[in-house]
Protein backbone atom coordinates (compact mmCIF):
# COMPACT_ATOMS: atom_id res chain seq x y z
CA UNK A 1 -23.25 -13.58 -68.82
CA UNK A 2 -21.22 -10.97 -70.69
CA UNK A 3 -17.86 -12.10 -71.95
CA UNK A 4 -14.89 -10.04 -70.88
CA UNK A 5 -12.80 -8.13 -73.44
CA UNK A 6 -10.11 -10.82 -73.65
CA UNK A 7 -12.66 -13.50 -74.60
CA UNK A 8 -14.33 -11.19 -77.15
CA UNK A 9 -10.95 -10.65 -78.85
CA UNK A 10 -10.53 -14.41 -79.29
CA UNK A 11 -13.75 -14.81 -81.26
CA UNK A 12 -13.51 -15.16 -85.01
CA UNK A 13 -16.08 -14.88 -87.75
CA UNK A 14 -16.35 -17.28 -90.65
CA UNK A 15 -18.41 -17.59 -93.81
CA UNK A 16 -20.70 -20.51 -94.60
CA UNK A 17 -22.69 -20.81 -97.81
CA UNK A 18 -25.65 -23.17 -97.87
CA UNK A 19 -25.71 -24.20 -101.51
CA UNK A 20 -28.73 -24.76 -103.78
CA UNK A 21 -28.97 -28.46 -102.91
CA UNK A 22 -29.32 -27.63 -99.19
CA UNK A 23 -32.18 -25.24 -100.01
CA UNK A 24 -33.85 -27.68 -102.44
CA UNK A 25 -33.69 -30.53 -99.94
CA UNK A 26 -35.06 -28.37 -97.09
CA UNK A 27 -31.99 -28.93 -94.89
CA UNK A 28 -31.43 -25.27 -93.93
CA UNK A 29 -32.94 -25.59 -90.45
CA UNK A 30 -31.04 -28.78 -89.68
CA UNK A 31 -27.73 -27.30 -90.86
CA UNK A 32 -28.17 -24.05 -88.94
CA UNK A 33 -29.16 -26.03 -85.84
CA UNK A 34 -25.85 -27.94 -85.95
CA UNK A 35 -23.87 -24.70 -85.79
CA UNK A 36 -26.09 -23.19 -83.10
CA UNK A 37 -25.97 -26.31 -80.93
CA UNK A 38 -22.19 -26.18 -81.10
CA UNK A 39 -22.34 -22.69 -79.60
CA UNK A 40 -21.69 -20.59 -82.69
CA UNK A 41 -23.66 -17.39 -83.13
CA UNK A 42 -25.35 -16.54 -86.43
CA UNK A 43 -24.47 -12.89 -87.03
CA UNK A 44 -25.59 -12.39 -90.65
CA UNK A 45 -27.73 -14.32 -93.13
CA UNK A 46 -29.04 -13.49 -96.56
CA UNK A 47 -30.83 -15.64 -99.11
CA UNK A 48 -29.91 -14.76 -102.66
CA UNK A 49 -29.29 -16.13 -106.13
CA UNK A 50 -25.61 -16.16 -107.07
CA UNK A 51 -24.82 -14.33 -110.30
CA UNK A 52 -22.22 -15.64 -112.73
CA UNK A 53 -20.01 -12.70 -111.72
CA UNK A 54 -20.22 -13.52 -108.01
CA UNK A 55 -19.62 -17.21 -108.77
CA UNK A 56 -16.45 -16.27 -110.68
CA UNK A 57 -15.21 -14.15 -107.72
CA UNK A 58 -16.04 -16.84 -105.19
CA UNK A 59 -14.47 -19.64 -107.24
CA UNK A 60 -11.68 -17.51 -108.79
CA UNK A 61 -9.13 -20.27 -108.13
CA UNK A 62 -11.21 -22.66 -110.29
CA UNK A 63 -12.17 -20.43 -113.22
CA UNK A 64 -10.53 -21.84 -116.33
CA UNK A 65 -10.53 -25.43 -115.05
CA UNK A 66 -12.42 -27.88 -117.29
CA UNK A 67 -14.98 -28.59 -114.54
CA UNK A 68 -15.71 -24.94 -113.69
CA UNK A 69 -18.79 -24.66 -115.96
CA UNK A 70 -20.47 -27.43 -113.92
CA UNK A 71 -19.66 -25.63 -110.66
CA UNK A 72 -21.00 -22.37 -112.05
CA UNK A 73 -24.19 -24.03 -113.31
CA UNK A 74 -24.76 -25.64 -109.90
CA UNK A 75 -24.12 -22.59 -107.71
CA UNK A 76 -26.25 -20.31 -109.92
CA UNK A 77 -29.19 -22.70 -110.43
CA UNK A 78 -31.18 -21.56 -107.42
CA UNK A 79 -31.08 -19.65 -104.17
CA UNK A 80 -28.33 -20.02 -101.58
CA UNK A 81 -28.15 -18.87 -97.97
CA UNK A 82 -25.01 -16.85 -97.25
CA UNK A 83 -24.20 -16.79 -93.53
CA UNK A 84 -21.65 -15.38 -91.11
CA UNK A 85 -20.95 -17.29 -87.89
CA UNK A 86 -19.01 -16.11 -84.86
CA UNK A 87 -17.39 -18.05 -82.06
CA UNK A 88 -14.15 -19.22 -80.58
CA UNK A 89 -12.09 -20.93 -83.34
CA UNK A 90 -15.15 -20.62 -85.60
CA UNK A 91 -13.31 -21.51 -88.82
CA UNK A 92 -11.94 -24.82 -87.50
CA UNK A 93 -15.14 -25.65 -85.61
CA UNK A 94 -17.30 -25.11 -88.69
CA UNK A 95 -15.00 -27.12 -90.94
CA UNK A 96 -15.11 -30.06 -88.50
CA UNK A 97 -18.91 -29.87 -88.38
CA UNK A 98 -19.13 -29.70 -92.18
CA UNK A 99 -16.85 -32.68 -92.91
CA UNK A 100 -14.73 -33.64 -95.91
CA UNK A 101 -15.49 -32.01 -99.27
CA UNK A 102 -16.01 -35.43 -100.86
CA UNK A 103 -19.31 -36.70 -99.45
CA UNK A 104 -18.11 -40.29 -99.83
CA UNK A 105 -15.23 -39.57 -97.44
CA UNK A 106 -17.10 -37.36 -94.96
CA UNK A 107 -17.44 -38.91 -91.52
CA UNK A 108 -20.88 -39.84 -90.18
CA UNK A 109 -22.05 -37.15 -87.79
CA UNK A 110 -20.82 -34.34 -90.05
CA UNK A 111 -23.18 -32.34 -92.24
CA UNK A 112 -21.79 -33.82 -95.45
CA UNK A 113 -21.38 -37.28 -93.92
CA UNK A 114 -25.03 -37.37 -92.89
CA UNK A 115 -26.73 -35.64 -95.83
CA UNK A 116 -24.48 -35.09 -98.87
CA UNK A 117 -24.48 -37.64 -101.67
CA UNK A 118 -22.29 -36.16 -104.39
CA UNK A 119 -18.83 -34.60 -104.55
CA UNK A 120 -20.11 -31.67 -106.59
CA UNK A 121 -23.34 -31.14 -104.63
CA UNK A 122 -22.08 -31.19 -101.07
CA UNK A 123 -24.58 -28.83 -99.38
CA UNK A 124 -22.24 -26.22 -97.92
CA UNK A 125 -19.11 -24.19 -98.46
CA UNK A 126 -17.10 -23.13 -95.41
CA UNK A 127 -14.13 -20.76 -95.33
CA UNK A 128 -10.83 -22.55 -94.78
CA UNK A 129 -8.76 -19.67 -93.35
CA UNK A 130 -9.11 -16.20 -91.85
CA UNK A 131 -8.09 -14.61 -95.18
CA UNK A 132 -10.67 -16.67 -97.08
CA UNK A 133 -13.35 -15.79 -94.52
CA UNK A 134 -12.63 -12.05 -94.88
CA UNK A 135 -12.68 -12.27 -98.69
CA UNK A 136 -15.84 -14.39 -98.85
CA UNK A 137 -17.71 -12.29 -96.29
CA UNK A 138 -16.83 -9.17 -98.33
CA UNK A 139 -17.93 -10.86 -101.58
CA UNK A 140 -21.31 -11.95 -100.24
CA UNK A 141 -22.03 -8.99 -97.92
CA UNK A 142 -20.42 -6.07 -99.80
CA UNK A 143 -22.70 -3.43 -98.27
CA UNK A 144 -22.39 -4.64 -94.69
CA UNK A 145 -20.32 -2.16 -92.67
CA UNK A 146 -18.66 -5.00 -90.76
CA UNK A 147 -17.82 -7.30 -93.67
CA UNK A 148 -17.97 -5.27 -96.90
CA UNK A 149 -15.06 -3.94 -98.89
CA UNK A 150 -13.57 -0.84 -97.31
């Protein structure tokens, strides 16, 4: 059934990054299935290795902090899966599915609550606002006509 124009306008797109630990632990299918079962639509996906430059853009608010070198080493150590998801209230829906950043505090039934073990290796990153989603989608899909820098 085709959605009418009003419903289409209410959809939002968010960015989710499946981090190296999700790839290493073969959790990609399980994580994607959670989003799909919730009714979100996967609209873009690309597996890649994050460069130090991209890591610095993505984590710009943390560069210069004493713990940043550990974050950079983690996010650049292996492939990630960059994804774009679309749905009604996608940003909030994804963040609820993902759970608290600290795996020890993440509720059971969330991605981090069920599978993450460490604060620093918490499987996924999810945009926390429309501005962050736009910025992160542009950073990870710069050549995509929908998401890239204009």
